[in-house]
Amino acid sequence: MLSKIVSVAAGTTQTILFNATGAKRTSASNSGKPTITIIIAGGATATVATRTAEGGTAVAVADGNLSGTISASKSDVVEGTIHSIDVTAAVATVTVEIAFPEDI
């Protein structure tokens, strides 16, 4: 598994790629599917969108733990093909943790 931890400043959107750039190799078990955790603290909120291809359109997560406006720490496994995610932080900085198989 590879993993990344990214801070998203309040009022900004950060695109996080599911690739080895800036990632660390972990020895944790490999679920075989990308996992995303959004850490919310201090009254922050965030929204998450996914992109299937480089340069593709960001589509808001429609269901599951990462859909809508996130106002508490949440985690979910992502199904399907994912190139990247866009995380938008409102009010305060949020932390995003992702883990994904090396063969993505």
PDB file of N, CA and C in Angstrom:
ATOM      1  N   MET A   1       0.844  -1.183   0.000  1.00  0.00           N
ATOM      2  CA  MET A   1       0.000   0.000   0.000  1.00  0.00           C
ATOM      3  C   MET A   1       0.886   1.242   0.000  1.00  0.00           C
ATOM      4  N   LEU A   2       0.375   2.279  -0.631  1.00  0.00           N
ATOM      5  CA  LEU A   2       0.969   3.602  -0.557  1.00  0.00           C
ATOM      6  C   LEU A   2       0.008   4.488   0.212  1.00  0.00           C
ATOM      7  N   SER A   3       0.534   5.519   0.854  1.00  0.00           N
ATOM      8  CA  SER A   3      -0.353   6.422   1.586  1.00  0.00           C
ATOM      9  C   SER A   3       0.155   7.854   1.492  1.00  0.00           C
ATOM     10  N   LYS A   4      -0.782   8.781   1.650  1.00  0.00           N
ATOM     11  CA  LYS A   4      -0.480  10.214   1.667  1.00  0.00           C
ATOM     12  C   LYS A   4      -1.307  10.867   2.761  1.00  0.00           C
ATOM     13  N   ILE A   5      -0.749  11.905   3.366  1.00  0.00           N
ATOM     14  CA  ILE A   5      -1.482  12.768   4.291  1.00  0.00           C
ATOM     15  C   ILE A   5      -1.340  14.184   3.753  1.00  0.00           C
ATOM     16  N   VAL A   6      -2.476  14.832   3.498  1.00  0.00           N
ATOM     17  CA  VAL A   6      -2.483  16.154   2.866  1.00  0.00           C
ATOM     18  C   VAL A   6      -3.361  17.099   3.675  1.00  0.00           C
ATOM     19  N   SER A   7      -2.866  18.304   3.946  1.00  0.00           N
ATOM     20  CA  SER A   7      -3.674  19.346   4.586  1.00  0.00           C
ATOM     21  C   SER A   7      -4.311  20.204   3.504  1.00  0.00           C
ATOM     22  N   VAL A   8      -5.586  20.511   3.689  1.00  0.00           N
ATOM     23  CA  VAL A   8      -6.312  21.369   2.759  1.00  0.00           C
ATOM     24  C   VAL A   8      -6.717  22.623   3.529  1.00  0.00           C
ATOM     25  N   ALA A   9      -6.182  23.766   3.128  1.00  0.00           N
ATOM     26  CA  ALA A   9      -6.433  25.021   3.835  1.00  0.00           C
ATOM     27  C   ALA A   9      -7.872  25.482   3.643  1.00  0.00           C
ATOM     28  N   ALA A  10      -8.378  26.181   4.644  1.00  0.00           N
ATOM     29  CA  ALA A  10      -9.742  26.716   4.590  1.00  0.00           C
ATOM     30  C   ALA A  10      -9.926  27.569   3.349  1.00  0.00           C
ATOM     31  N   GLY A  11     -11.063  27.379   2.678  1.00  0.00           N
ATOM     32  CA  GLY A  11     -11.393  28.169   1.503  1.00  0.00           C
ATOM     33  C   GLY A  11     -10.699  27.734   0.228  1.00  0.00           C
ATOM     34  N   THR A  12     -10.041  26.569   0.253  1.00  0.00           N
ATOM     35  CA  THR A  12      -9.346  26.092  -0.941  1.00  0.00           C
ATOM     36  C   THR A  12      -9.803  24.684  -1.324  1.00  0.00           C
ATOM     37  N   THR A  13      -9.493  24.325  -2.564  1.00  0.00           N
ATOM     38  CA  THR A  13      -9.707  22.963  -3.052  1.00  0.00           C
ATOM     39  C   THR A  13      -8.352  22.377  -3.400  1.00  0.00           C
ATOM     40  N   GLN A  14      -8.096  21.180  -2.933  1.00  0.00           N
ATOM     41  CA  GLN A  14      -6.839  20.489  -3.211  1.00  0.00           C
ATOM     42  C   GLN A  14      -7.144  19.229  -4.015  1.00  0.00           C
ATOM     43  N   THR A  15      -6.458  19.060  -5.148  1.00  0.00           N
ATOM     44  CA  THR A  15      -6.567  17.825  -5.919  1.00  0.00           C
ATOM     45  C   THR A  15      -5.474  16.879  -5.440  1.00  0.00           C
ATOM     46  N   ILE A  16      -5.877  15.684  -5.042  1.00  0.00           N
ATOM     47  CA  ILE A  16      -4.941  14.691  -4.510  1.00  0.00           C
ATOM     48  C   ILE A  16      -4.909  13.506  -5.470  1.00  0.00           C
ATOM     49  N   LEU A  17      -3.735  13.261  -6.047  1.00  0.00           N
ATOM     50  CA  LEU A  17      -3.574  12.193  -7.028  1.00  0.00           C
ATOM     51  C   LEU A  17      -3.325  10.851  -6.349  1.00  0.00           C
ATOM     52  N   PHE A  18      -3.892   9.806  -6.919  1.00  0.00           N
ATOM     53  CA  PHE A  18      -3.631   8.450  -6.457  1.00  0.00           C
ATOM     54  C   PHE A  18      -2.421   7.918  -7.229  1.00  0.00           C
ATOM     55  N   ASN A  19      -1.238   8.463  -6.900  1.00  0.00           N
ATOM     56  CA  ASN A  19      -0.004   8.010  -7.533  1.00  0.00           C
ATOM     57  C   ASN A  19       1.123   8.037  -6.511  1.00  0.00           C
ATOM     58  N   ALA A  20       2.300   7.612  -6.917  1.00  0.00           N
ATOM     59  CA  ALA A  20       3.409   7.465  -5.985  1.00  0.00           C
ATOM     60  C   ALA A  20       4.058   8.789  -5.590  1.00  0.00           C
ATOM     61  N   THR A  21       3.801   9.870  -6.330  1.00  0.00           N
ATOM     62  CA  THR A  21       4.422  11.153  -6.027  1.00  0.00           C
ATOM     63  C   THR A  21       4.005  11.627  -4.638  1.00  0.00           C
ATOM     64  N   GLY A  22       4.980  11.778  -3.760  1.00  0.00           N
ATOM     65  CA  GLY A  22       4.714  12.237  -2.402  1.00  0.00           C
ATOM     66  C   GLY A  22       4.128  11.180  -1.486  1.00  0.00           C
ATOM     67  N   ALA A  23       3.997   9.956  -1.967  1.00  0.00           N
ATOM     68  CA  ALA A  23       3.406   8.883  -1.155  1.00  0.00           C
ATOM     69  C   ALA A  23       4.492   8.136  -0.392  1.00  0.00           C
ATOM     70  N   LYS A  24       4.079   7.497   0.691  1.00  0.00           N
ATOM     71  CA  LYS A  24       4.975   6.650   1.472  1.00  0.00           C
ATOM     72  C   LYS A  24       4.475   5.218   1.395  1.00  0.00           C
ATOM     73  N   ARG A  25       5.402   4.299   1.331  1.00  0.00           N
ATOM     74  CA  ARG A  25       5.042   2.879   1.329  1.00  0.00           C
ATOM     75  C   ARG A  25       4.743   2.462   2.767  1.00  0.00           C
ATOM     76  N   THR A  26       3.641   1.778   2.952  1.00  0.00           N
ATOM     77  CA  THR A  26       3.277   1.296   4.281  1.00  0.00           C
ATOM     78  C   THR A  26       3.305  -0.223   4.280  1.00  0.00           C
ATOM     79  N   SER A  27       3.524  -0.795   5.432  1.00  0.00           N
ATOM     80  CA  SER A  27       3.526  -2.252   5.537  1.00  0.00           C
ATOM     81  C   SER A  27       2.181  -2.764   6.038  1.00  0.00           C
ATOM     82  N   ALA A  28       1.220  -1.873   6.134  1.00  0.00           N
ATOM     83  CA  ALA A  28      -0.110  -2.257   6.615  1.00  0.00           C
ATOM     84  C   ALA A  28      -0.774  -3.191   5.614  1.00  0.00           C
ATOM     85  N   SER A  29      -1.818  -3.853   6.052  1.00  0.00           N
ATOM     86  CA  SER A  29      -2.528  -4.772   5.166  1.00  0.00           C
ATOM     87  C   SER A  29      -3.077  -4.030   3.958  1.00  0.00           C
ATOM     88  N   ASN A  30      -3.192  -4.736   2.872  1.00  0.00           N
ATOM     89  CA  ASN A  30      -3.641  -4.154   1.616  1.00  0.00           C
ATOM     90  C   ASN A  30      -5.074  -4.576   1.350  1.00  0.00           C
ATOM     91  N   SER A  31      -6.001  -3.639   1.391  1.00  0.00           N
ATOM     92  CA  SER A  31      -7.405  -3.958   1.130  1.00  0.00           C
ATOM     93  C   SER A  31      -7.660  -4.150  -0.358  1.00  0.00           C
ATOM     94  N   GLY A  32      -6.726  -3.679  -1.189  1.00  0.00           N
ATOM     95  CA  GLY A  32      -6.912  -3.775  -2.627  1.00  0.00           C
ATOM     96  C   GLY A  32      -7.769  -2.664  -3.199  1.00  0.00           C
ATOM     97  N   LYS A  33      -8.322  -1.813  -2.347  1.00  0.00           N
ATOM     98  CA  LYS A  33      -9.170  -0.710  -2.801  1.00  0.00           C
ATOM     99  C   LYS A  33      -8.705   0.580  -2.140  1.00  0.00           C
ATOM    100  N   PRO A  34      -8.815   1.701  -2.856  1.00  0.00           N
ATOM    101  CA  PRO A  34      -8.445   2.981  -2.257  1.00  0.00           C
ATOM    102  C   PRO A  34      -9.337   3.315  -1.061  1.00  0.00           C
ATOM    103  N   THR A  35      -8.714   3.807   0.000  1.00  0.00           N
ATOM    104  CA  THR A  35      -9.433   4.225   1.194  1.00  0.00           C
ATOM    105  C   THR A  35      -9.127   5.695   1.444  1.00  0.00           C
ATOM    106  N   ILE A  36     -10.162   6.462   1.747  1.00  0.00           N
ATOM    107  CA  ILE A  36     -10.015   7.891   2.000  1.00  0.00           C
ATOM    108  C   ILE A  36     -10.554   8.191   3.389  1.00  0.00           C
ATOM    109  N   THR A  37      -9.790   8.938   4.183  1.00  0.00           N
ATOM    110  CA  THR A  37     -10.252   9.409   5.484  1.00  0.00           C
ATOM    111  C   THR A  37     -10.147  10.925   5.495  1.00  0.00           C
ATOM    112  N   ILE A  38     -11.222  11.585   5.893  1.00  0.00           N
ATOM    113  CA  ILE A  38     -11.242  13.040   6.028  1.00  0.00           C
ATOM    114  C   ILE A  38     -11.280  13.340   7.525  1.00  0.00           C
ATOM    115  N   ILE A  39     -10.279  14.064   8.019  1.00  0.00           N
ATOM    116  CA  ILE A  39     -10.199  14.408   9.437  1.00  0.00           C
ATOM    117  C   ILE A  39     -10.741  15.823   9.610  1.00  0.00           C
ATOM    118  N   ILE A  40     -11.801  15.942  10.386  1.00  0.00           N
ATOM    119  CA  ILE A  40     -12.457  17.230  10.609  1.00  0.00           C
ATOM    120  C   ILE A  40     -12.255  17.630  12.069  1.00  0.00           C
ATOM    121  N   ALA A  41     -11.801  18.853  12.289  1.00  0.00           N
ATOM    122  CA  ALA A  41     -11.637  19.367  13.651  1.00  0.00           C
ATOM    123  C   ALA A  41     -11.934  20.857  13.656  1.00  0.00           C
ATOM    124  N   GLY A  42     -12.262  21.390  14.803  1.00  0.00           N
ATOM    125  CA  GLY A  42     -12.430  22.824  14.961  1.00  0.00           C
ATOM    126  C   GLY A  42     -13.542  23.438  14.148  1.00  0.00           C
ATOM    127  N   GLY A  43     -14.639  22.714  13.949  1.00  0.00           N
ATOM    128  CA  GLY A  43     -15.781  23.263  13.240  1.00  0.00           C
ATOM    129  C   GLY A  43     -15.637  23.285  11.732  1.00  0.00           C
ATOM    130  N   ALA A  44     -14.618  22.621  11.209  1.00  0.00           N
ATOM    131  CA  ALA A  44     -14.391  22.591   9.762  1.00  0.00           C
ATOM    132  C   ALA A  44     -15.449  21.751   9.061  1.00  0.00           C
ATOM    133  N   THR A  45     -15.620  22.007   7.776  1.00  0.00           N
ATOM    134  CA  THR A  45     -16.444  21.160   6.910  1.00  0.00           C
ATOM    135  C   THR A  45     -15.691  20.959   5.603  1.00  0.00           C
ATOM    136  N   ALA A  46     -16.049  19.899   4.888  1.00  0.00           N
ATOM    137  CA  ALA A  46     -15.385  19.607   3.620  1.00  0.00           C
ATOM    138  C   ALA A  46     -16.350  18.916   2.677  1.00  0.00           C
ATOM    139  N   THR A  47     -16.048  18.999   1.386  1.00  0.00           N
ATOM    140  CA  THR A  47     -16.755  18.221   0.373  1.00  0.00           C
ATOM    141  C   THR A  47     -15.707  17.468  -0.443  1.00  0.00           C
ATOM    142  N   VAL A  48     -16.129  16.331  -1.016  1.00  0.00           N
ATOM    143  CA  VAL A  48     -15.212  15.481  -1.776  1.00  0.00           C
ATOM    144  C   VAL A  48     -15.802  15.196  -3.148  1.00  0.00           C
ATOM    145  N   ALA A  49     -14.957  15.282  -4.169  1.00  0.00           N
ATOM    146  CA  ALA A  49     -15.336  14.906  -5.532  1.00  0.00           C
ATOM    147  C   ALA A  49     -14.255  13.981  -6.074  1.00  0.00           C
ATOM    148  N   THR A  50     -14.613  13.123  -7.014  1.00  0.00           N
ATOM    149  CA  THR A  50     -13.644  12.218  -7.625  1.00  0.00           C
ATOM    150  C   THR A  50     -13.458  12.557  -9.096  1.00  0.00           C
ATOM    151  N   ARG A  51     -12.293  12.194  -9.620  1.00  0.00           N
ATOM    152  CA  ARG A  51     -11.992  12.323 -11.047  1.00  0.00           C
ATOM    153  C   ARG A  51     -11.555  10.946 -11.544  1.00  0.00           C
ATOM    154  N   THR A  52     -12.109  10.529 -12.660  1.00  0.00           N
ATOM    155  CA  THR A  52     -11.773   9.225 -13.225  1.00  0.00           C
ATOM    156  C   THR A  52     -10.502   9.284 -14.061  1.00  0.00           C
ATOM    157  N   ALA A  53     -10.266  10.383 -14.748  1.00  0.00           N
ATOM    158  CA  ALA A  53      -9.111  10.501 -15.639  1.00  0.00           C
ATOM    159  C   ALA A  53      -8.390  11.823 -15.411  1.00  0.00           C
ATOM    160  N   GLU A  54      -7.118  11.853 -15.761  1.00  0.00           N
ATOM    161  CA  GLU A  54      -6.357  13.094 -15.682  1.00  0.00           C
ATOM    162  C   GLU A  54      -7.030  14.147 -16.542  1.00  0.00           C
ATOM    163  N   GLY A  55      -7.286  15.320 -15.976  1.00  0.00           N
ATOM    164  CA  GLY A  55      -7.958  16.390 -16.696  1.00  0.00           C
ATOM    165  C   GLY A  55      -9.461  16.210 -16.791  1.00  0.00           C
ATOM    166  N   GLY A  56      -9.975  15.152 -16.167  1.00  0.00           N
ATOM    167  CA  GLY A  56     -11.408  14.873 -16.215  1.00  0.00           C
ATOM    168  C   GLY A  56     -12.208  15.795 -15.313  1.00  0.00           C
ATOM    169  N   THR A  57     -13.512  15.637 -15.361  1.00  0.00           N
ATOM    170  CA  THR A  57     -14.433  16.453 -14.580  1.00  0.00           C
ATOM    171  C   THR A  57     -14.560  15.911 -13.166  1.00  0.00           C
ATOM    172  N   ALA A  58     -14.506  16.802 -12.188  1.00  0.00           N
ATOM    173  CA  ALA A  58     -14.718  16.405 -10.796  1.00  0.00           C
ATOM    174  C   ALA A  58     -16.210  16.177 -10.575  1.00  0.00           C
ATOM    175  N   VAL A  59     -16.548  15.016 -10.024  1.00  0.00           N
ATOM    176  CA  VAL A  59     -17.940  14.657  -9.760  1.00  0.00           C
ATOM    177  C   VAL A  59     -18.095  14.446  -8.259  1.00  0.00           C
ATOM    178  N   ALA A  60     -19.024  15.170  -7.653  1.00  0.00           N
ATOM    179  CA  ALA A  60     -19.239  15.052  -6.210  1.00  0.00           C
ATOM    180  C   ALA A  60     -19.568  13.614  -5.835  1.00  0.00           C
ATOM    181  N   VAL A  61     -19.035  13.158  -4.719  1.00  0.00           N
ATOM    182  CA  VAL A  61     -19.353  11.820  -4.221  1.00  0.00           C
ATOM    183  C   VAL A  61     -20.843  11.788  -3.922  1.00  0.00           C
ATOM    184  N   ALA A  62     -21.544  10.829  -4.526  1.00  0.00           N
ATOM    185  CA  ALA A  62     -23.012  10.806  -4.472  1.00  0.00           C
ATOM    186  C   ALA A  62     -23.578  10.059  -3.275  1.00  0.00           C
ATOM    187  N   ASP A  63     -22.856   9.075  -2.763  1.00  0.00           N
ATOM    188  CA  ASP A  63     -23.388   8.327  -1.622  1.00  0.00           C
ATOM    189  C   ASP A  63     -22.242   7.807  -0.761  1.00  0.00           C
ATOM    190  N   GLY A  64     -22.579   7.280   0.387  1.00  0.00           N
ATOM    191  CA  GLY A  64     -21.569   6.780   1.309  1.00  0.00           C
ATOM    192  C   GLY A  64     -21.130   7.841   2.297  1.00  0.00           C
ATOM    193  N   ASN A  65     -20.123   7.514   3.078  1.00  0.00           N
ATOM    194  CA  ASN A  65     -19.654   8.389   4.154  1.00  0.00           C
ATOM    195  C   ASN A  65     -19.079   9.715   3.674  1.00  0.00           C
ATOM    196  N   LEU A  66     -18.620   9.776   2.430  1.00  0.00           N
ATOM    197  CA  LEU A  66     -17.966  10.990   1.936  1.00  0.00           C
ATOM    198  C   LEU A  66     -18.867  11.843   1.054  1.00  0.00           C
ATOM    199  N   SER A  67     -20.165  11.572   1.070  1.00  0.00           N
ATOM    200  CA  SER A  67     -21.098  12.363   0.254  1.00  0.00           C
ATOM    201  C   SER A  67     -21.556  13.601   1.015  1.00  0.00           C
ATOM    202  N   GLY A  68     -21.973  14.607   0.265  1.00  0.00           N
ATOM    203  CA  GLY A  68     -22.500  15.834   0.869  1.00  0.00           C
ATOM    204  C   GLY A  68     -21.425  16.608   1.608  1.00  0.00           C
ATOM    205  N   THR A  69     -21.866  17.453   2.531  1.00  0.00           N
ATOM    206  CA  THR A  69     -20.942  18.231   3.351  1.00  0.00           C
ATOM    207  C   THR A  69     -20.549  17.407   4.562  1.00  0.00           C
ATOM    208  N   ILE A  70     -19.258  17.216   4.736  1.00  0.00           N
ATOM    209  CA  ILE A  70     -18.731  16.405   5.832  1.00  0.00           C
ATOM    210  C   ILE A  70     -18.410  17.334   6.995  1.00  0.00           C
ATOM    211  N   SER A  71     -19.017  17.072   8.148  1.00  0.00           N
ATOM    212  CA  SER A  71     -18.798  17.943   9.307  1.00  0.00           C
ATOM    213  C   SER A  71     -18.211  17.187  10.496  1.00  0.00           C
ATOM    214  N   ALA A  72     -17.888  15.919  10.312  1.00  0.00           N
ATOM    215  CA  ALA A  72     -17.222  15.112  11.334  1.00  0.00           C
ATOM    216  C   ALA A  72     -16.257  14.180  10.612  1.00  0.00           C
ATOM    217  N   SER A  73     -15.235  13.714  11.287  1.00  0.00           N
ATOM    218  CA  SER A  73     -14.258  12.829  10.654  1.00  0.00           C
ATOM    219  C   SER A  73     -14.948  11.596  10.091  1.00  0.00           C
ATOM    220  N   LYS A  74     -14.615  11.250   8.844  1.00  0.00           N
ATOM    221  CA  LYS A  74     -15.253  10.130   8.136  1.00  0.00           C
ATOM    222  C   LYS A  74     -14.214   9.375   7.335  1.00  0.00           C
ATOM    223  N   SER A  75     -14.520   8.119   7.058  1.00  0.00           N
ATOM    224  CA  SER A  75     -13.662   7.289   6.234  1.00  0.00           C
ATOM    225  C   SER A  75     -14.527   6.420   5.345  1.00  0.00           C
ATOM    226  N   ASP A  76     -14.031   6.099   4.144  1.00  0.00           N
ATOM    227  CA  ASP A  76     -14.784   5.235   3.245  1.00  0.00           C
ATOM    228  C   ASP A  76     -13.830   4.594   2.244  1.00  0.00           C
ATOM    229  N   VAL A  77     -14.254   3.474   1.701  1.00  0.00           N
ATOM    230  CA  VAL A  77     -13.528   2.792   0.638  1.00  0.00           C
ATOM    231  C   VAL A  77     -14.142   3.233  -0.679  1.00  0.00           C
ATOM    232  N   VAL A  78     -13.303   3.548  -1.648  1.00  0.00           N
ATOM    233  CA  VAL A  78     -13.772   4.047  -2.932  1.00  0.00           C
ATOM    234  C   VAL A  78     -13.848   2.890  -3.927  1.00  0.00           C
ATOM    235  N   GLU A  79     -14.980   2.771  -4.586  1.00  0.00           N
ATOM    236  CA  GLU A  79     -15.171   1.741  -5.612  1.00  0.00           C
ATOM    237  C   GLU A  79     -14.921   2.345  -6.989  1.00  0.00           C
ATOM    238  N   GLY A  80     -14.481   1.537  -7.917  1.00  0.00           N
ATOM    239  CA  GLY A  80     -14.310   1.999  -9.290  1.00  0.00           C
ATOM    240  C   GLY A  80     -12.945   2.609  -9.533  1.00  0.00           C
ATOM    241  N   THR A  81     -12.780   3.150 -10.720  1.00  0.00           N
ATOM    242  CA  THR A  81     -11.515   3.727 -11.146  1.00  0.00           C
ATOM    243  C   THR A  81     -11.411   5.167 -10.659  1.00  0.00           C
ATOM    244  N   ILE A  82     -10.326   5.472  -9.972  1.00  0.00           N
ATOM    245  CA  ILE A  82     -10.116   6.817  -9.430  1.00  0.00           C
ATOM    246  C   ILE A  82      -8.737   7.307  -9.853  1.00  0.00           C
ATOM    247  N   HIS A  83      -8.689   8.456 -10.490  1.00  0.00           N
ATOM    248  CA  HIS A  83      -7.416   9.104 -10.809  1.00  0.00           C
ATOM    249  C   HIS A  83      -7.005  10.018  -9.662  1.00  0.00           C
ATOM    250  N   SER A  84      -7.987  10.764  -9.127  1.00  0.00           N
ATOM    251  CA  SER A  84      -7.703  11.726  -8.065  1.00  0.00           C
ATOM    252  C   SER A  84      -8.994  12.110  -7.361  1.00  0.00           C
ATOM    253  N   ILE A  85      -8.830  12.794  -6.240  1.00  0.00           N
ATOM    254  CA  ILE A  85      -9.983  13.369  -5.544  1.00  0.00           C
ATOM    255  C   ILE A  85      -9.744  14.859  -5.370  1.00  0.00           C
ATOM    256  N   ASP A  86     -10.818  15.610  -5.334  1.00  0.00           N
ATOM    257  CA  ASP A  86     -10.776  17.027  -4.988  1.00  0.00           C
ATOM    258  C   ASP A  86     -11.426  17.168  -3.623  1.00  0.00           C
ATOM    259  N   VAL A  87     -10.719  17.775  -2.688  1.00  0.00           N
ATOM    260  CA  VAL A  87     -11.277  18.040  -1.365  1.00  0.00           C
ATOM    261  C   VAL A  87     -11.326  19.549  -1.187  1.00  0.00           C
ATOM    262  N   THR A  88     -12.505  20.059  -0.880  1.00  0.00           N
ATOM    263  CA  THR A  88     -12.692  21.486  -0.625  1.00  0.00           C
ATOM    264  C   THR A  88     -12.949  21.672   0.859  1.00  0.00           C
ATOM    265  N   ALA A  89     -12.143  22.511   1.493  1.00  0.00           N
ATOM    266  CA  ALA A  89     -12.284  22.795   2.921  1.00  0.00           C
ATOM    267  C   ALA A  89     -12.949  24.150   3.094  1.00  0.00           C
ATOM    268  N   ALA A  90     -13.949  24.199   3.944  1.00  0.00           N
ATOM    269  CA  ALA A  90     -14.604  25.466   4.274  1.00  0.00           C
ATOM    270  C   ALA A  90     -14.354  25.747   5.747  1.00  0.00           C
ATOM    271  N   VAL A  91     -14.236  26.968   6.110  1.00  0.00           N
ATOM    272  CA  VAL A  91     -14.132  27.457   7.491  1.00  0.00           C
ATOM    273  C   VAL A  91     -12.762  27.206   8.121  1.00  0.00           C
ATOM    274  N   ALA A  92     -12.258  25.984   8.074  1.00  0.00           N
ATOM    275  CA  ALA A  92     -10.981  25.654   8.716  1.00  0.00           C
ATOM    276  C   ALA A  92     -10.275  24.564   7.911  1.00  0.00           C
ATOM    277  N   THR A  93      -8.985  24.408   8.176  1.00  0.00           N
ATOM    278  CA  THR A  93      -8.180  23.395   7.497  1.00  0.00           C
ATOM    279  C   THR A  93      -8.665  21.994   7.840  1.00  0.00           C
ATOM    280  N   VAL A  94      -8.675  21.106   6.842  1.00  0.00           N
ATOM    281  CA  VAL A  94      -8.982  19.696   7.071  1.00  0.00           C
ATOM    282  C   VAL A  94      -7.776  18.862   6.636  1.00  0.00           C
ATOM    283  N   THR A  95      -7.668  17.674   7.190  1.00  0.00           N
ATOM    284  CA  THR A  95      -6.601  16.745   6.845  1.00  0.00           C
ATOM    285  C   THR A  95      -7.192  15.566   6.099  1.00  0.00           C
ATOM    286  N   VAL A  96      -6.541  15.184   5.016  1.00  0.00           N
ATOM    287  CA  VAL A  96      -6.990  14.056   4.201  1.00  0.00           C
ATOM    288  C   VAL A  96      -5.924  12.970   4.267  1.00  0.00           C
ATOM    289  N   GLU A  97      -6.348  11.758   4.579  1.00  0.00           N
ATOM    290  CA  GLU A  97      -5.457  10.605   4.556  1.00  0.00           C
ATOM    291  C   GLU A  97      -5.979   9.648   3.496  1.00  0.00           C
ATOM    292  N   ILE A  98      -5.105   9.219   2.586  1.00  0.00           N
ATOM    293  CA  ILE A  98      -5.516   8.228   1.591  1.00  0.00           C
ATOM    294  C   ILE A  98      -4.533   7.068   1.613  1.00  0.00           C
ATOM    295  N   ALA A  99      -5.027   5.880   1.335  1.00  0.00           N
ATOM    296  CA  ALA A  99      -4.195   4.691   1.179  1.00  0.00           C
ATOM    297  C   ALA A  99      -4.698   3.961  -0.055  1.00  0.00           C
ATOM    298  N   PHE A 100      -3.779   3.435  -0.848  1.00  0.00           N
ATOM    299  CA  PHE A 100      -4.180   2.793  -2.094  1.00  0.00           C
ATOM    300  C   PHE A 100      -3.123   1.782  -2.517  1.00  0.00           C
ATOM    301  N   PRO A 101      -3.543   0.745  -3.265  1.00  0.00           N
ATOM    302  CA  PRO A 101      -2.592  -0.258  -3.742  1.00  0.00           C
ATOM    303  C   PRO A 101      -1.561   0.366  -4.675  1.00  0.00           C
ATOM    304  N   GLU A 102      -0.356  -0.173  -4.672  1.00  0.00           N
ATOM    305  CA  GLU A 102       0.704   0.355  -5.529  1.00  0.00           C
ATOM    306  C   GLU A 102       0.419   0.181  -7.003  1.00  0.00           C
ATOM    307  N   ASP A 103      -0.432  -0.736  -7.363  1.00  0.00           N
ATOM    308  CA  ASP A 103      -0.685  -0.998  -8.779  1.00  0.00           C
ATOM    309  C   ASP A 103      -1.776  -0.133  -9.373  1.00  0.00           C
ATOM    310  N   ILE A 104      -2.242   0.882  -8.646  1.00  0.00           N
ATOM    311  CA  ILE A 104      -3.273   1.777  -9.188  1.00  0.00           C
ATOM    312  C   ILE A 104      -2.636   2.699 -10.190  1.00  0.00           C
TER     313      ILE A 104
END
